[in-house]
Amino acid sequence: MNDSIKQLLSLQDRDLETDRLRSEAAAIPAKVTKIKAQIQTNKTELESAKKELTQLLLLKKSKEVDLEIQEASVRKHATELNAVKSNDAYRALLGEIEKAKKDKSALEDEILQVMEQIDQATRTWKDRETASKGAETNLLKEISDWEAKQKSLEEQALAKETEREQVVSLIAKNLYQQYQTLREGRKGSAAVVSLKNEQCGGCHMKVSQNLINEVRRGQKLMTCESCSRIVYLEEVATPTTDSGS
């Protein structure tokens, strides 16, 4: 493997790592947004439970007012009984009293039902409040962790870019331009690949024997006949023979 290929591979390693780091960092804001949406959903559900409880309390208060009106009506008609002069008026008042008592009894039953609903709504609200507070603490911690990771990834990417500048300074300008051209549109993909089993390591198409021979001579950089990536042959370590055997 000639020095030019080694330099390009060194550059490519940093570029691919930078691509990975940038890609991971870029995906984090969406994760944070999703977590914030979950926090808001939890708050909305809690507010809904509190609103339901408030409405039930108002309903109970309204029915208690109606109950007081019916109780007052019973008392009023009972007092009026002593003042009536005719049987018809007396019977009419008795009817009014009976109706008021029935309405009063129905309201008492309704109030009891609403009180049961209030008890259930109170438990639901308190359970959601407890769960929401615990979940929010965990979710805020998760957001903090993701944001810290994003910052770390961006710092690592900047460090790789600094390393890249040092490597670029060692590469011939025309070679670097060729590499950059191949890099365009290939973010996250290699521009310099090895030949394996007579195939390009980038597009996996079969290459000609002539290309393999030229790469093996190492006199100039060669590119894949199909995808134009710069290709090279990996050096295979030669097994050593133990002289003592």
Foldseek 3Di string as FASTA:
>chain_A
DDPQLVLQVLLQVLQLLLLVLVVLLVVLVVVLVVLVVVLVVLVVVLVVLVVVLVVLVVVLVVLVVVLVVLVVLLVVLVVCLVVDDDPVVNVVSVVSNVVSVVSNVVSVVVSVVSVVVSVVSVVVSVVSVVVSVVSVVVSVVVSVVSVVSSVVSVVVSVVSVVVSVVSVVVHDPVSVVLLVVQCVVVRSAHLEFEQDPQATPGPRDHADPVQVVVQVVVPDWDAGPPSRRTYHHDDDDDDDDDPVD
